N, C-alpha and C. Protein backbone atom coordinates (compact mmCIF):
# COMPACT_ATOMS: atom_id res chain seq x y z
N MET A 1 2.34 14.02 -14.56
CA MET A 1 2.52 12.66 -15.00
C MET A 1 3.78 12.05 -14.40
N ALA A 2 4.77 12.88 -14.02
CA ALA A 2 6.03 12.35 -13.46
C ALA A 2 5.78 11.62 -12.15
N ASP A 3 4.71 11.96 -11.41
CA ASP A 3 4.42 11.29 -10.15
C ASP A 3 4.14 9.81 -10.34
N MET A 4 3.71 9.41 -11.53
CA MET A 4 3.40 8.01 -11.74
C MET A 4 4.62 7.18 -12.10
N THR A 5 5.73 7.80 -12.42
CA THR A 5 6.89 7.04 -12.82
C THR A 5 7.95 6.95 -11.73
N ILE A 6 7.81 7.73 -10.69
CA ILE A 6 8.76 7.69 -9.57
C ILE A 6 7.99 7.23 -8.35
N PRO A 7 8.42 6.17 -7.69
CA PRO A 7 7.69 5.71 -6.52
C PRO A 7 7.50 6.86 -5.53
N PRO A 8 6.25 7.11 -5.14
CA PRO A 8 5.96 8.25 -4.27
C PRO A 8 6.76 8.25 -2.98
N ARG A 9 7.05 7.08 -2.43
CA ARG A 9 7.78 7.06 -1.16
C ARG A 9 9.20 7.57 -1.30
N LEU A 10 9.75 7.55 -2.53
CA LEU A 10 11.09 8.07 -2.74
C LEU A 10 11.10 9.58 -2.93
N THR A 11 9.96 10.15 -3.28
CA THR A 11 9.90 11.59 -3.52
C THR A 11 9.33 12.36 -2.35
N VAL A 12 8.79 11.68 -1.35
CA VAL A 12 8.16 12.36 -0.23
C VAL A 12 9.00 12.15 1.02
N LEU A 13 10.00 12.97 1.20
CA LEU A 13 10.85 12.85 2.38
C LEU A 13 10.43 13.83 3.47
N ALA A 14 9.85 14.96 3.08
CA ALA A 14 9.47 15.98 4.05
C ALA A 14 8.40 15.47 5.01
N GLY A 15 7.53 14.59 4.56
CA GLY A 15 6.46 14.08 5.41
C GLY A 15 6.88 12.90 6.27
N ALA A 16 8.11 12.47 6.17
CA ALA A 16 8.55 11.29 6.92
C ALA A 16 8.43 11.50 8.43
N PHE A 17 8.77 12.68 8.89
CA PHE A 17 8.67 12.93 10.32
C PHE A 17 7.23 12.84 10.79
N ALA A 18 6.31 13.43 10.05
CA ALA A 18 4.90 13.40 10.43
C ALA A 18 4.36 11.97 10.44
N VAL A 19 4.76 11.18 9.45
CA VAL A 19 4.31 9.79 9.39
C VAL A 19 4.86 9.02 10.58
N THR A 20 6.14 9.21 10.88
CA THR A 20 6.75 8.53 12.02
C THR A 20 6.05 8.92 13.31
N ALA A 21 5.78 10.20 13.47
CA ALA A 21 5.10 10.66 14.68
C ALA A 21 3.72 10.04 14.80
N ALA A 22 3.00 9.96 13.69
CA ALA A 22 1.67 9.35 13.71
C ALA A 22 1.75 7.87 14.05
N LEU A 23 2.75 7.18 13.54
CA LEU A 23 2.90 5.76 13.84
C LEU A 23 3.20 5.52 15.32
N PHE A 24 4.07 6.37 15.89
CA PHE A 24 4.40 6.21 17.30
C PHE A 24 3.23 6.61 18.19
N ALA A 25 2.45 7.59 17.76
CA ALA A 25 1.32 8.05 18.56
C ALA A 25 0.19 7.04 18.54
N GLY A 26 0.10 6.25 17.47
CA GLY A 26 -0.90 5.20 17.38
C GLY A 26 -2.21 5.67 16.82
N PRO A 27 -3.16 4.75 16.65
CA PRO A 27 -4.45 5.06 16.06
C PRO A 27 -5.25 6.08 16.85
N ALA A 28 -5.06 6.16 18.17
CA ALA A 28 -5.83 7.11 18.96
C ALA A 28 -5.54 8.54 18.54
N ALA A 29 -4.28 8.85 18.23
CA ALA A 29 -3.93 10.20 17.82
C ALA A 29 -4.50 10.53 16.46
N VAL A 30 -4.58 9.54 15.59
CA VAL A 30 -5.11 9.76 14.24
C VAL A 30 -6.59 10.10 14.31
N SER A 31 -7.33 9.44 15.22
CA SER A 31 -8.77 9.64 15.27
C SER A 31 -9.19 10.54 16.43
N ALA A 32 -8.24 11.20 17.08
CA ALA A 32 -8.55 12.02 18.24
C ALA A 32 -9.51 13.15 17.93
N SER A 33 -9.46 13.69 16.73
CA SER A 33 -10.31 14.81 16.39
C SER A 33 -11.73 14.37 16.07
N ALA A 34 -11.95 13.10 15.82
CA ALA A 34 -13.28 12.60 15.51
C ALA A 34 -14.02 12.30 16.81
N ALA A 35 -15.31 12.60 16.81
CA ALA A 35 -16.12 12.30 17.97
C ALA A 35 -16.24 10.79 18.09
N PRO A 36 -16.04 10.25 19.29
CA PRO A 36 -16.11 8.80 19.43
C PRO A 36 -17.54 8.31 19.22
N THR A 37 -17.68 7.33 18.36
CA THR A 37 -18.97 6.70 18.12
C THR A 37 -18.75 5.21 18.01
N THR A 38 -19.84 4.47 18.05
CA THR A 38 -19.74 3.03 17.89
C THR A 38 -19.14 2.70 16.54
N ALA A 39 -19.51 3.46 15.49
CA ALA A 39 -19.01 3.20 14.15
C ALA A 39 -17.50 3.42 14.08
N SER A 40 -17.00 4.49 14.74
CA SER A 40 -15.57 4.74 14.65
C SER A 40 -14.78 3.68 15.42
N VAL A 41 -15.36 3.11 16.47
CA VAL A 41 -14.68 2.06 17.19
C VAL A 41 -14.64 0.80 16.33
N ALA A 42 -15.73 0.51 15.64
CA ALA A 42 -15.80 -0.69 14.82
C ALA A 42 -14.88 -0.60 13.61
N THR A 43 -14.59 0.61 13.15
CA THR A 43 -13.75 0.78 11.98
C THR A 43 -12.40 1.37 12.35
N ALA A 44 -11.89 0.98 13.50
CA ALA A 44 -10.58 1.46 13.93
C ALA A 44 -9.54 1.13 12.87
N PRO A 45 -8.55 2.00 12.71
CA PRO A 45 -7.53 1.77 11.69
C PRO A 45 -6.83 0.42 11.88
N ALA A 46 -6.55 -0.21 10.79
CA ALA A 46 -5.85 -1.49 10.81
C ALA A 46 -4.37 -1.24 11.09
N SER A 47 -3.68 -2.28 11.43
CA SER A 47 -2.25 -2.20 11.58
C SER A 47 -1.63 -3.21 10.63
N PRO A 48 -0.35 -3.03 10.28
CA PRO A 48 0.28 -4.01 9.40
C PRO A 48 0.12 -5.44 9.91
N ALA A 49 0.11 -5.64 11.22
CA ALA A 49 -0.04 -6.99 11.76
C ALA A 49 -1.43 -7.55 11.46
N SER A 50 -2.45 -6.68 11.41
CA SER A 50 -3.81 -7.18 11.19
C SER A 50 -4.07 -7.57 9.76
N VAL A 51 -3.23 -7.17 8.83
CA VAL A 51 -3.43 -7.55 7.44
C VAL A 51 -2.61 -8.78 7.08
N GLY A 52 -1.80 -9.26 7.97
CA GLY A 52 -0.97 -10.43 7.69
C GLY A 52 0.31 -10.04 6.97
N SER A 53 1.12 -11.05 6.72
CA SER A 53 2.37 -10.81 6.00
C SER A 53 2.65 -11.99 5.08
N VAL A 54 3.51 -11.76 4.13
CA VAL A 54 3.92 -12.79 3.19
C VAL A 54 5.40 -12.61 2.90
N CYS A 55 6.11 -13.70 2.86
CA CYS A 55 7.53 -13.65 2.52
C CYS A 55 7.70 -13.23 1.06
N TYR A 56 8.66 -12.39 0.82
CA TYR A 56 8.97 -11.97 -0.55
C TYR A 56 9.16 -13.19 -1.44
N SER A 57 9.83 -14.20 -0.92
CA SER A 57 10.11 -15.40 -1.72
C SER A 57 8.84 -16.19 -2.07
N ALA A 58 7.75 -15.98 -1.33
CA ALA A 58 6.50 -16.69 -1.58
C ALA A 58 5.61 -15.98 -2.60
N LEU A 59 5.97 -14.76 -2.96
CA LEU A 59 5.16 -14.02 -3.94
C LEU A 59 5.33 -14.62 -5.33
N PRO A 60 4.32 -14.45 -6.18
CA PRO A 60 4.50 -14.90 -7.57
C PRO A 60 5.58 -14.07 -8.26
N SER A 61 6.22 -14.64 -9.26
CA SER A 61 7.32 -13.95 -9.94
C SER A 61 6.88 -12.61 -10.53
N GLN A 62 5.63 -12.51 -10.92
CA GLN A 62 5.13 -11.25 -11.48
C GLN A 62 5.11 -10.14 -10.42
N ALA A 63 4.90 -10.50 -9.16
CA ALA A 63 4.96 -9.51 -8.07
C ALA A 63 6.39 -9.03 -7.89
N HIS A 64 7.36 -9.93 -8.04
CA HIS A 64 8.78 -9.53 -7.99
C HIS A 64 9.06 -8.53 -9.11
N ASP A 65 8.53 -8.81 -10.30
CA ASP A 65 8.72 -7.91 -11.44
C ASP A 65 8.15 -6.53 -11.14
N THR A 66 6.95 -6.50 -10.55
CA THR A 66 6.31 -5.22 -10.22
C THR A 66 7.11 -4.46 -9.18
N LEU A 67 7.58 -5.15 -8.15
CA LEU A 67 8.40 -4.49 -7.12
C LEU A 67 9.70 -3.95 -7.71
N ASP A 68 10.29 -4.68 -8.64
CA ASP A 68 11.50 -4.20 -9.32
C ASP A 68 11.21 -2.92 -10.11
N LEU A 69 10.07 -2.91 -10.82
CA LEU A 69 9.70 -1.70 -11.58
C LEU A 69 9.46 -0.51 -10.66
N ILE A 70 8.82 -0.76 -9.53
CA ILE A 70 8.58 0.32 -8.56
C ILE A 70 9.91 0.88 -8.07
N ALA A 71 10.85 0.01 -7.75
CA ALA A 71 12.17 0.44 -7.27
C ALA A 71 12.91 1.26 -8.31
N LYS A 72 12.71 0.92 -9.59
CA LYS A 72 13.38 1.64 -10.68
C LYS A 72 12.60 2.88 -11.13
N GLY A 73 11.36 3.03 -10.67
CA GLY A 73 10.56 4.16 -11.11
C GLY A 73 9.88 3.94 -12.44
N GLY A 74 9.72 2.68 -12.86
CA GLY A 74 9.02 2.38 -14.11
C GLY A 74 9.97 2.03 -15.22
N PRO A 75 9.47 1.93 -16.42
CA PRO A 75 8.10 2.21 -16.88
C PRO A 75 7.15 1.09 -16.48
N PHE A 76 5.88 1.47 -16.30
CA PHE A 76 4.86 0.54 -15.85
C PHE A 76 3.97 0.13 -17.02
N PRO A 77 3.44 -1.09 -16.98
CA PRO A 77 2.68 -1.60 -18.12
C PRO A 77 1.28 -1.00 -18.28
N TYR A 78 0.71 -0.43 -17.24
CA TYR A 78 -0.65 0.10 -17.30
C TYR A 78 -0.67 1.56 -16.88
N SER A 79 -1.52 2.34 -17.53
CA SER A 79 -1.61 3.77 -17.21
C SER A 79 -2.10 4.00 -15.79
N GLN A 80 -2.81 3.04 -15.22
CA GLN A 80 -3.31 3.19 -13.85
C GLN A 80 -2.23 2.95 -12.80
N ASP A 81 -1.11 2.37 -13.19
CA ASP A 81 -0.05 2.10 -12.23
C ASP A 81 0.52 3.39 -11.68
N GLY A 82 0.62 3.45 -10.36
CA GLY A 82 1.14 4.63 -9.68
C GLY A 82 0.07 5.58 -9.19
N VAL A 83 -1.20 5.30 -9.50
CA VAL A 83 -2.27 6.19 -9.04
C VAL A 83 -2.49 6.01 -7.55
N VAL A 84 -3.10 6.99 -6.94
CA VAL A 84 -3.39 6.94 -5.51
C VAL A 84 -4.38 5.82 -5.23
N PHE A 85 -4.05 5.00 -4.24
CA PHE A 85 -4.96 3.97 -3.74
C PHE A 85 -5.67 4.58 -2.54
N GLN A 86 -6.99 4.64 -2.59
CA GLN A 86 -7.75 5.37 -1.57
C GLN A 86 -8.10 4.57 -0.33
N ASN A 87 -7.80 3.29 -0.30
CA ASN A 87 -8.06 2.47 0.89
C ASN A 87 -9.52 2.54 1.33
N ARG A 88 -10.43 2.58 0.35
CA ARG A 88 -11.87 2.66 0.66
C ARG A 88 -12.33 1.49 1.53
N GLU A 89 -11.69 0.34 1.35
CA GLU A 89 -12.07 -0.84 2.12
C GLU A 89 -11.67 -0.71 3.58
N GLY A 90 -10.72 0.17 3.87
CA GLY A 90 -10.28 0.39 5.24
C GLY A 90 -9.48 -0.76 5.84
N VAL A 91 -8.95 -1.63 4.99
CA VAL A 91 -8.19 -2.78 5.48
C VAL A 91 -6.78 -2.38 5.87
N LEU A 92 -6.17 -1.49 5.09
CA LEU A 92 -4.81 -1.03 5.41
C LEU A 92 -4.85 0.00 6.52
N PRO A 93 -3.73 0.22 7.19
CA PRO A 93 -3.69 1.25 8.23
C PRO A 93 -4.15 2.60 7.68
N GLN A 94 -4.94 3.30 8.45
CA GLN A 94 -5.47 4.60 8.02
C GLN A 94 -4.33 5.61 7.88
N GLN A 95 -4.30 6.28 6.73
CA GLN A 95 -3.28 7.29 6.45
C GLN A 95 -3.92 8.42 5.66
N SER A 96 -3.13 9.43 5.31
CA SER A 96 -3.65 10.53 4.50
C SER A 96 -4.10 10.00 3.14
N SER A 97 -4.90 10.77 2.45
CA SER A 97 -5.53 10.29 1.22
C SER A 97 -4.55 9.98 0.09
N SER A 98 -3.37 10.52 0.12
CA SER A 98 -2.41 10.24 -0.97
C SER A 98 -1.23 9.38 -0.50
N TYR A 99 -1.37 8.72 0.62
CA TYR A 99 -0.30 7.94 1.22
C TYR A 99 0.02 6.67 0.43
N TYR A 100 -1.01 6.00 -0.07
CA TYR A 100 -0.84 4.72 -0.76
C TYR A 100 -0.96 4.88 -2.27
N HIS A 101 -0.22 4.06 -3.00
CA HIS A 101 -0.30 4.02 -4.47
C HIS A 101 -0.37 2.57 -4.91
N GLU A 102 -1.05 2.34 -6.01
CA GLU A 102 -1.23 0.95 -6.46
C GLU A 102 -0.56 0.68 -7.79
N TYR A 103 -0.14 -0.58 -7.93
CA TYR A 103 0.55 -1.05 -9.12
C TYR A 103 0.02 -2.44 -9.48
N THR A 104 -0.11 -2.69 -10.75
CA THR A 104 -0.62 -3.96 -11.24
C THR A 104 0.44 -5.05 -11.15
N VAL A 105 0.01 -6.21 -10.68
CA VAL A 105 0.83 -7.42 -10.76
C VAL A 105 0.20 -8.22 -11.90
N ILE A 106 0.91 -8.35 -12.98
CA ILE A 106 0.37 -9.00 -14.17
C ILE A 106 -0.05 -10.44 -13.85
N THR A 107 -1.22 -10.80 -14.34
CA THR A 107 -1.73 -12.16 -14.22
C THR A 107 -1.65 -12.80 -15.60
N PRO A 108 -0.74 -13.75 -15.80
CA PRO A 108 -0.61 -14.38 -17.12
C PRO A 108 -1.95 -14.95 -17.60
N GLY A 109 -2.28 -14.65 -18.86
CA GLY A 109 -3.50 -15.16 -19.47
C GLY A 109 -4.75 -14.36 -19.17
N ALA A 110 -4.69 -13.40 -18.26
CA ALA A 110 -5.87 -12.60 -17.94
C ALA A 110 -6.11 -11.57 -19.04
N PRO A 111 -7.35 -11.42 -19.48
CA PRO A 111 -7.64 -10.45 -20.54
C PRO A 111 -7.64 -9.00 -20.04
N THR A 112 -7.64 -8.81 -18.72
CA THR A 112 -7.64 -7.47 -18.12
C THR A 112 -6.45 -7.37 -17.17
N ARG A 113 -6.44 -6.33 -16.36
CA ARG A 113 -5.37 -6.17 -15.36
C ARG A 113 -5.41 -7.27 -14.31
N GLY A 114 -6.50 -7.98 -14.20
CA GLY A 114 -6.60 -9.03 -13.20
C GLY A 114 -6.86 -8.45 -11.82
N THR A 115 -6.68 -9.27 -10.80
CA THR A 115 -7.02 -8.88 -9.42
C THR A 115 -5.82 -8.68 -8.52
N ARG A 116 -4.63 -8.88 -9.04
CA ARG A 116 -3.43 -8.81 -8.20
C ARG A 116 -2.80 -7.42 -8.25
N ARG A 117 -2.43 -6.91 -7.09
CA ARG A 117 -1.83 -5.58 -7.00
C ARG A 117 -0.76 -5.55 -5.91
N ILE A 118 0.15 -4.60 -6.07
CA ILE A 118 1.05 -4.18 -5.01
C ILE A 118 0.59 -2.77 -4.62
N ILE A 119 0.38 -2.56 -3.33
CA ILE A 119 0.03 -1.24 -2.81
C ILE A 119 1.23 -0.77 -2.00
N THR A 120 1.75 0.39 -2.34
CA THR A 120 2.91 0.92 -1.62
C THR A 120 2.49 2.03 -0.68
N GLY A 121 3.16 2.07 0.47
CA GLY A 121 3.03 3.19 1.38
C GLY A 121 4.23 4.09 1.16
N GLU A 122 4.30 5.17 1.90
CA GLU A 122 5.40 6.11 1.71
C GLU A 122 6.70 5.63 2.35
N LYS A 123 6.62 4.74 3.33
CA LYS A 123 7.83 4.25 3.98
C LYS A 123 8.54 3.25 3.08
N SER A 124 9.84 3.16 3.23
CA SER A 124 10.62 2.18 2.48
C SER A 124 10.17 0.78 2.85
N GLN A 125 10.00 -0.06 1.86
CA GLN A 125 9.58 -1.45 2.01
C GLN A 125 8.24 -1.59 2.72
N GLU A 126 7.37 -0.62 2.54
CA GLU A 126 5.99 -0.73 3.02
C GLU A 126 5.15 -1.09 1.80
N ASP A 127 5.20 -2.36 1.45
CA ASP A 127 4.54 -2.87 0.26
C ASP A 127 3.56 -3.95 0.66
N TYR A 128 2.35 -3.82 0.19
CA TYR A 128 1.30 -4.78 0.49
C TYR A 128 0.92 -5.50 -0.80
N TYR A 129 0.67 -6.80 -0.69
CA TYR A 129 0.25 -7.60 -1.84
C TYR A 129 -1.19 -8.03 -1.65
N THR A 130 -1.99 -7.91 -2.70
CA THR A 130 -3.34 -8.44 -2.69
C THR A 130 -3.53 -9.26 -3.95
N ALA A 131 -4.05 -10.45 -3.79
CA ALA A 131 -4.33 -11.32 -4.94
C ALA A 131 -5.81 -11.32 -5.26
N ASP A 132 -6.62 -10.66 -4.42
CA ASP A 132 -8.07 -10.72 -4.57
C ASP A 132 -8.71 -9.33 -4.67
N HIS A 133 -8.04 -8.44 -5.34
CA HIS A 133 -8.55 -7.09 -5.61
C HIS A 133 -9.04 -6.38 -4.36
N TYR A 134 -8.16 -6.26 -3.38
CA TYR A 134 -8.34 -5.45 -2.17
C TYR A 134 -9.18 -6.08 -1.07
N ALA A 135 -9.60 -7.34 -1.21
CA ALA A 135 -10.35 -7.97 -0.12
C ALA A 135 -9.42 -8.28 1.04
N THR A 136 -8.20 -8.73 0.74
CA THR A 136 -7.21 -9.01 1.77
C THR A 136 -5.85 -8.46 1.32
N PHE A 137 -5.03 -8.12 2.30
CA PHE A 137 -3.70 -7.60 2.03
C PHE A 137 -2.67 -8.32 2.89
N LYS A 138 -1.47 -8.44 2.36
CA LYS A 138 -0.36 -8.99 3.13
C LYS A 138 0.84 -8.07 2.96
N LEU A 139 1.42 -7.68 4.08
CA LEU A 139 2.63 -6.87 4.07
C LEU A 139 3.78 -7.74 3.63
N VAL A 140 4.54 -7.29 2.63
CA VAL A 140 5.65 -8.08 2.10
C VAL A 140 6.81 -8.02 3.08
N ASP A 141 7.27 -9.19 3.49
CA ASP A 141 8.43 -9.33 4.37
C ASP A 141 9.64 -9.62 3.50
N PHE A 142 10.52 -8.63 3.35
CA PHE A 142 11.68 -8.78 2.48
C PHE A 142 12.81 -9.57 3.15
N GLY A 143 12.64 -9.94 4.40
CA GLY A 143 13.68 -10.66 5.13
C GLY A 143 13.57 -12.17 5.05
N CYS A 144 12.61 -12.66 4.30
CA CYS A 144 12.48 -14.13 4.21
C CYS A 144 12.17 -14.56 2.79
């Protein structure tokens, strides 16, 4: 249960070299072991540029609250916060199965968790925002 209260990217330092190597090697190295097919070409891994970006200042205040909680390691408002995000949609860059984690961005007035999430990667400030429950993602730009 402790894995859900500490941002995974802060606890996984040993894999940083492997992640960096994979990023520099590019998508070809990630899919090199797979036999090339038309399907694998059509579903090539996304890159942060292909998902777009959003200025931190343009995010809703509730997203700021969620990012603050992630930085502090919680506590989080929902039991699902901090669970592995499996990237089934394939919109985010392809990574290992436990690379991404998801956190709820509270939607005022919503009777459920709503559709807004922050998805974190293992790298520092690798945070993606989705307002439409994983249909689209934007990499948060903390410099603007």
